[in-house]
Each structure stands twice: as C-alpha cells, then as structure tokens.
Amino acid sequence: MQKSKKVKYKLKKNDQVKIIAGKNIGNTGRILKVNKADGTVIIEGQNMVKKAMRQKKQNQKGGIVEIEAPIRISNVMIMCKKCGPTRIKIEKKNDKKMRMCKKCGEELA
C-alpha cells in the first residue's frame, strides 16, 4: 500500500483554464471541482462521458446522461487575461500571498 504525498496545487475552483493534453486539447473552461487527493479537476462542459443513472425518486428520471469526467491537473493551464495560457508564481504583498502570471506579472483572480 502506497502512502500518498501531500501535494499543493495552485489551481482553484472557478479558474479559467485551457486543456493542453488529451482528447479535448485546446478547449477552455471553468473549473467546477478540484480533487487534491487524486490530482484531478472537473472542467465545465469538457471531457463529457455517458453514464447510466438509476431512477432514485418517483419524479427523477433515470437513463443515460452525459456528465463531466475528471482530467489530470497536469493537463490544464490557467488562462491569463493578457497573455493566454501561463504558469503561476506566488508573490507575497503586504503579508498576503498573491497568484501572479509568470509571463506578464498580472494578478490572477
């Protein structure tokens, strides 16, 4: 049994990202969920897969639905408003950590 390392990720929920590898290469979207244990992210409207769902309640329908599947966090890059896909650097300003664009130095939301 392997012990998983505690890894810090610089991407957060609601970040605008671009997919740089896989079947959806070049597409952009917003992060819905970050799974730190698996090192994956779920991106809105990307990597859609079909899944058979069971009817749980009387008014809820079952059948085949399309949902977003997770993508490895290493296969996405954050989008800067000025320069496009970029890496993140952390800078300390006024005792606060800020996420900055590595290319242009602009603050990332």
N, C-alpha and C. Protein backbone atom coordinates (compact mmCIF):
# COMPACT_ATOMS: atom_id res chain seq x y z
N MET A 1 0.84 -1.18 0.00
CA MET A 1 0.00 0.00 0.00
C MET A 1 0.89 1.25 0.00
N GLN A 2 0.70 2.11 -1.00
CA GLN A 2 1.50 3.31 -1.11
C GLN A 2 0.88 4.44 -0.31
N LYS A 3 1.75 5.22 0.29
CA LYS A 3 1.31 6.39 1.02
C LYS A 3 1.28 7.56 0.04
N SER A 4 0.16 8.27 -0.04
CA SER A 4 0.08 9.38 -0.98
C SER A 4 0.74 10.62 -0.37
N LYS A 5 1.50 11.33 -1.22
CA LYS A 5 2.16 12.55 -0.78
C LYS A 5 1.16 13.69 -0.75
N LYS A 6 1.38 14.62 0.17
CA LYS A 6 0.53 15.79 0.24
C LYS A 6 1.08 16.81 -0.75
N VAL A 7 0.33 17.09 -1.80
CA VAL A 7 0.77 17.98 -2.86
C VAL A 7 -0.10 19.23 -2.84
N LYS A 8 0.53 20.40 -2.98
CA LYS A 8 -0.21 21.65 -3.06
C LYS A 8 -0.40 22.01 -4.53
N TYR A 9 -1.62 22.37 -4.90
CA TYR A 9 -1.93 22.77 -6.25
C TYR A 9 -2.25 24.25 -6.28
N LYS A 10 -1.86 24.93 -7.35
CA LYS A 10 -2.07 26.36 -7.46
C LYS A 10 -3.38 26.71 -8.15
N LEU A 11 -4.07 25.71 -8.69
CA LEU A 11 -5.35 25.95 -9.35
C LEU A 11 -6.48 25.86 -8.32
N LYS A 12 -7.49 26.69 -8.52
CA LYS A 12 -8.63 26.73 -7.61
C LYS A 12 -9.93 26.64 -8.39
N LYS A 13 -11.02 26.47 -7.65
CA LYS A 13 -12.35 26.44 -8.23
C LYS A 13 -12.63 27.79 -8.89
N ASN A 14 -13.36 27.78 -10.00
CA ASN A 14 -13.75 28.95 -10.80
C ASN A 14 -12.60 29.58 -11.58
N ASP A 15 -11.42 28.95 -11.65
CA ASP A 15 -10.34 29.45 -12.51
C ASP A 15 -10.65 29.11 -13.96
N GLN A 16 -10.33 30.01 -14.86
CA GLN A 16 -10.47 29.77 -16.30
C GLN A 16 -9.20 29.06 -16.76
N VAL A 17 -9.33 27.85 -17.33
CA VAL A 17 -8.17 27.06 -17.73
C VAL A 17 -8.28 26.62 -19.18
N LYS A 18 -7.12 26.24 -19.76
CA LYS A 18 -7.07 25.70 -21.11
C LYS A 18 -6.51 24.29 -21.02
N ILE A 19 -7.11 23.34 -21.75
CA ILE A 19 -6.65 21.96 -21.76
C ILE A 19 -5.49 21.85 -22.74
N ILE A 20 -4.35 21.32 -22.26
CA ILE A 20 -3.14 21.26 -23.09
C ILE A 20 -2.79 19.84 -23.52
N ALA A 21 -3.56 18.84 -23.07
CA ALA A 21 -3.30 17.46 -23.47
C ALA A 21 -4.59 16.66 -23.37
N GLY A 22 -4.68 15.58 -24.17
CA GLY A 22 -5.85 14.72 -24.13
C GLY A 22 -6.76 14.93 -25.32
N LYS A 23 -7.95 14.35 -25.25
CA LYS A 23 -8.86 14.40 -26.40
C LYS A 23 -9.50 15.77 -26.60
N ASN A 24 -9.55 16.60 -25.55
CA ASN A 24 -10.15 17.93 -25.65
C ASN A 24 -9.10 19.03 -25.73
N ILE A 25 -7.96 18.75 -26.32
CA ILE A 25 -6.84 19.69 -26.37
C ILE A 25 -7.26 21.00 -27.03
N GLY A 26 -6.87 22.13 -26.42
CA GLY A 26 -7.18 23.44 -26.97
C GLY A 26 -8.46 24.06 -26.45
N ASN A 27 -9.32 23.29 -25.81
CA ASN A 27 -10.58 23.83 -25.29
C ASN A 27 -10.35 24.54 -23.96
N THR A 28 -11.20 25.52 -23.68
CA THR A 28 -11.11 26.24 -22.42
C THR A 28 -12.39 26.05 -21.64
N GLY A 29 -12.31 26.25 -20.33
CA GLY A 29 -13.47 26.14 -19.47
C GLY A 29 -13.15 26.56 -18.05
N ARG A 30 -14.19 26.56 -17.22
CA ARG A 30 -14.07 26.97 -15.83
C ARG A 30 -14.02 25.73 -14.95
N ILE A 31 -13.15 25.74 -13.93
CA ILE A 31 -13.02 24.60 -13.02
C ILE A 31 -14.22 24.55 -12.10
N LEU A 32 -14.89 23.39 -12.06
CA LEU A 32 -16.02 23.18 -11.16
C LEU A 32 -15.58 22.57 -9.84
N LYS A 33 -14.58 21.68 -9.90
CA LYS A 33 -14.15 20.97 -8.69
C LYS A 33 -12.69 20.58 -8.82
N VAL A 34 -11.93 20.70 -7.73
CA VAL A 34 -10.54 20.27 -7.67
C VAL A 34 -10.46 19.13 -6.67
N ASN A 35 -9.99 17.96 -7.11
CA ASN A 35 -9.81 16.81 -6.23
C ASN A 35 -8.32 16.67 -5.93
N LYS A 36 -7.91 17.15 -4.75
CA LYS A 36 -6.49 17.18 -4.40
C LYS A 36 -5.93 15.79 -4.16
N ALA A 37 -6.75 14.88 -3.66
CA ALA A 37 -6.27 13.52 -3.37
C ALA A 37 -5.88 12.78 -4.64
N ASP A 38 -6.67 12.94 -5.71
CA ASP A 38 -6.40 12.26 -6.98
C ASP A 38 -5.57 13.10 -7.94
N GLY A 39 -5.48 14.40 -7.69
CA GLY A 39 -4.77 15.29 -8.61
C GLY A 39 -5.54 15.52 -9.89
N THR A 40 -6.86 15.66 -9.78
CA THR A 40 -7.71 15.85 -10.96
C THR A 40 -8.59 17.08 -10.79
N VAL A 41 -9.10 17.57 -11.91
CA VAL A 41 -10.07 18.68 -11.91
C VAL A 41 -11.23 18.32 -12.82
N ILE A 42 -12.39 18.89 -12.52
CA ILE A 42 -13.56 18.74 -13.39
C ILE A 42 -13.81 20.11 -14.01
N ILE A 43 -13.85 20.15 -15.35
CA ILE A 43 -14.00 21.40 -16.08
C ILE A 43 -15.37 21.44 -16.73
N GLU A 44 -16.01 22.59 -16.60
CA GLU A 44 -17.38 22.78 -17.08
C GLU A 44 -17.49 22.54 -18.59
N GLY A 45 -18.31 21.56 -18.98
CA GLY A 45 -18.59 21.28 -20.39
C GLY A 45 -17.49 20.55 -21.14
N GLN A 46 -16.45 20.06 -20.47
CA GLN A 46 -15.34 19.38 -21.13
C GLN A 46 -15.23 17.93 -20.66
N ASN A 47 -14.66 17.08 -21.50
CA ASN A 47 -14.45 15.66 -21.20
C ASN A 47 -15.77 14.97 -20.83
N MET A 48 -16.78 15.16 -21.66
CA MET A 48 -18.11 14.61 -21.39
C MET A 48 -18.13 13.11 -21.66
N VAL A 49 -18.70 12.35 -20.72
CA VAL A 49 -18.87 10.91 -20.87
C VAL A 49 -20.32 10.56 -20.58
N LYS A 50 -20.76 9.43 -21.14
CA LYS A 50 -22.13 8.97 -20.91
C LYS A 50 -22.13 8.00 -19.75
N LYS A 51 -23.13 8.14 -18.88
CA LYS A 51 -23.23 7.31 -17.69
C LYS A 51 -24.67 6.88 -17.50
N ALA A 52 -24.86 5.62 -17.17
CA ALA A 52 -26.20 5.11 -16.90
C ALA A 52 -26.58 5.46 -15.47
N MET A 53 -27.67 6.22 -15.31
CA MET A 53 -28.13 6.64 -13.99
C MET A 53 -29.42 5.91 -13.65
N ARG A 54 -29.55 5.57 -12.40
CA ARG A 54 -30.73 4.87 -11.91
C ARG A 54 -31.76 5.89 -11.42
N GLN A 55 -33.03 5.56 -11.58
CA GLN A 55 -34.09 6.43 -11.07
C GLN A 55 -34.11 6.32 -9.55
N LYS A 56 -33.92 7.44 -8.86
CA LYS A 56 -33.83 7.40 -7.39
C LYS A 56 -35.17 7.73 -6.74
N LYS A 57 -35.89 8.69 -7.28
CA LYS A 57 -37.18 9.06 -6.73
C LYS A 57 -38.24 8.94 -7.82
N GLN A 58 -39.47 9.08 -7.45
CA GLN A 58 -40.57 8.92 -8.39
C GLN A 58 -40.52 9.98 -9.48
N ASN A 59 -40.15 11.23 -9.12
CA ASN A 59 -40.18 12.31 -10.10
C ASN A 59 -38.84 12.50 -10.81
N GLN A 60 -37.79 11.78 -10.42
CA GLN A 60 -36.48 11.92 -11.06
C GLN A 60 -36.32 10.84 -12.12
N LYS A 61 -35.84 11.24 -13.31
CA LYS A 61 -35.70 10.29 -14.40
C LYS A 61 -34.36 9.60 -14.37
N GLY A 62 -34.35 8.36 -14.78
CA GLY A 62 -33.12 7.61 -14.94
C GLY A 62 -32.75 7.56 -16.41
N GLY A 63 -31.79 6.70 -16.76
CA GLY A 63 -31.39 6.57 -18.15
C GLY A 63 -29.94 6.97 -18.35
N ILE A 64 -29.59 7.23 -19.61
CA ILE A 64 -28.21 7.58 -19.93
C ILE A 64 -28.09 9.10 -19.94
N VAL A 65 -27.15 9.62 -19.13
CA VAL A 65 -26.91 11.06 -19.04
C VAL A 65 -25.44 11.35 -19.36
N GLU A 66 -25.19 12.58 -19.78
CA GLU A 66 -23.80 13.00 -20.04
C GLU A 66 -23.32 13.83 -18.86
N ILE A 67 -22.14 13.48 -18.33
CA ILE A 67 -21.55 14.22 -17.21
C ILE A 67 -20.09 14.53 -17.54
N GLU A 68 -19.52 15.49 -16.80
CA GLU A 68 -18.11 15.82 -16.97
C GLU A 68 -17.26 14.82 -16.21
N ALA A 69 -16.24 14.29 -16.87
CA ALA A 69 -15.30 13.37 -16.22
C ALA A 69 -14.06 14.15 -15.78
N PRO A 70 -13.35 13.65 -14.77
CA PRO A 70 -12.15 14.37 -14.31
C PRO A 70 -11.00 14.32 -15.31
N ILE A 71 -10.17 15.37 -15.27
CA ILE A 71 -8.96 15.49 -16.09
C ILE A 71 -7.79 15.68 -15.14
N ARG A 72 -6.64 15.08 -15.46
CA ARG A 72 -5.44 15.27 -14.63
C ARG A 72 -5.09 16.75 -14.58
N ILE A 73 -4.69 17.19 -13.40
CA ILE A 73 -4.38 18.61 -13.20
C ILE A 73 -3.16 19.04 -14.00
N SER A 74 -2.29 18.09 -14.36
CA SER A 74 -1.10 18.42 -15.14
C SER A 74 -1.45 18.69 -16.60
N ASN A 75 -2.66 18.36 -17.03
CA ASN A 75 -3.08 18.54 -18.42
C ASN A 75 -3.83 19.84 -18.66
N VAL A 76 -3.85 20.74 -17.67
CA VAL A 76 -4.51 22.03 -17.83
C VAL A 76 -3.57 23.16 -17.42
N MET A 77 -3.76 24.34 -18.04
CA MET A 77 -3.00 25.55 -17.69
C MET A 77 -3.98 26.69 -17.45
N ILE A 78 -3.65 27.53 -16.48
CA ILE A 78 -4.51 28.67 -16.17
C ILE A 78 -4.40 29.70 -17.29
N MET A 79 -5.51 30.40 -17.54
CA MET A 79 -5.55 31.42 -18.59
C MET A 79 -5.39 32.80 -17.97
N CYS A 80 -4.41 33.55 -18.48
CA CYS A 80 -4.21 34.96 -18.10
C CYS A 80 -5.04 35.80 -19.07
N LYS A 81 -5.62 36.88 -18.59
CA LYS A 81 -6.44 37.72 -19.46
C LYS A 81 -5.62 38.38 -20.55
N LYS A 82 -4.35 38.71 -20.26
CA LYS A 82 -3.48 39.38 -21.24
C LYS A 82 -2.80 38.41 -22.18
N CYS A 83 -2.10 37.39 -21.62
CA CYS A 83 -1.18 36.60 -22.45
C CYS A 83 -1.62 35.15 -22.69
N GLY A 84 -2.79 34.74 -22.27
CA GLY A 84 -3.27 33.39 -22.55
C GLY A 84 -2.80 32.36 -21.55
N PRO A 85 -2.57 31.10 -21.97
CA PRO A 85 -2.18 30.05 -21.01
C PRO A 85 -0.80 30.34 -20.44
N THR A 86 -0.68 30.21 -19.13
CA THR A 86 0.56 30.55 -18.45
C THR A 86 0.72 29.72 -17.19
N ARG A 87 1.90 29.86 -16.57
CA ARG A 87 2.13 29.23 -15.28
C ARG A 87 1.89 30.27 -14.19
N ILE A 88 1.84 29.79 -12.95
CA ILE A 88 1.53 30.66 -11.82
C ILE A 88 2.76 30.81 -10.95
N LYS A 89 3.02 32.05 -10.48
CA LYS A 89 4.03 32.25 -9.45
C LYS A 89 3.34 32.90 -8.26
N ILE A 90 3.84 32.59 -7.07
CA ILE A 90 3.26 33.11 -5.84
C ILE A 90 4.16 34.25 -5.34
N GLU A 91 3.57 35.41 -5.10
CA GLU A 91 4.31 36.55 -4.56
C GLU A 91 3.64 37.01 -3.29
N LYS A 92 4.46 37.48 -2.36
CA LYS A 92 3.93 38.00 -1.11
C LYS A 92 3.87 39.52 -1.19
N LYS A 93 2.67 40.09 -1.00
CA LYS A 93 2.48 41.53 -0.98
C LYS A 93 1.67 41.88 0.26
N ASN A 94 2.22 42.74 1.09
CA ASN A 94 1.54 43.19 2.32
C ASN A 94 1.07 42.01 3.17
N ASP A 95 1.96 41.05 3.39
CA ASP A 95 1.68 39.84 4.19
C ASP A 95 0.53 39.02 3.63
N LYS A 96 0.31 39.10 2.32
CA LYS A 96 -0.73 38.33 1.65
C LYS A 96 -0.11 37.61 0.46
N LYS A 97 -0.43 36.36 0.28
CA LYS A 97 0.07 35.62 -0.88
C LYS A 97 -0.84 35.88 -2.08
N MET A 98 -0.23 36.26 -3.19
CA MET A 98 -0.97 36.57 -4.41
C MET A 98 -0.52 35.63 -5.52
N ARG A 99 -1.47 35.18 -6.34
CA ARG A 99 -1.13 34.37 -7.51
C ARG A 99 -0.92 35.31 -8.68
N MET A 100 0.25 35.22 -9.31
CA MET A 100 0.62 36.12 -10.38
C MET A 100 0.91 35.33 -11.65
N CYS A 101 0.72 35.96 -12.81
CA CYS A 101 1.07 35.39 -14.11
C CYS A 101 2.58 35.37 -14.22
N LYS A 102 3.14 34.25 -14.65
CA LYS A 102 4.59 34.12 -14.78
C LYS A 102 5.13 34.95 -15.94
N LYS A 103 4.32 35.16 -17.00
CA LYS A 103 4.78 35.89 -18.18
C LYS A 103 4.72 37.40 -17.98
N CYS A 104 3.55 37.93 -17.63
CA CYS A 104 3.37 39.39 -17.59
C CYS A 104 3.33 39.97 -16.18
N GLY A 105 3.17 39.14 -15.16
CA GLY A 105 3.16 39.62 -13.78
C GLY A 105 1.83 40.13 -13.31
N GLU A 106 0.78 39.97 -14.10
CA GLU A 106 -0.55 40.43 -13.70
C GLU A 106 -1.15 39.49 -12.66
N GLU A 107 -1.93 40.04 -11.74
CA GLU A 107 -2.56 39.24 -10.69
C GLU A 107 -3.67 38.37 -11.29
N LEU A 108 -3.69 37.09 -10.88
CA LEU A 108 -4.75 36.17 -11.34
C LEU A 108 -5.86 36.12 -10.31
N ALA A 109 -7.09 36.19 -10.76
CA ALA A 109 -8.24 36.20 -9.84
C ALA A 109 -8.45 34.86 -9.18
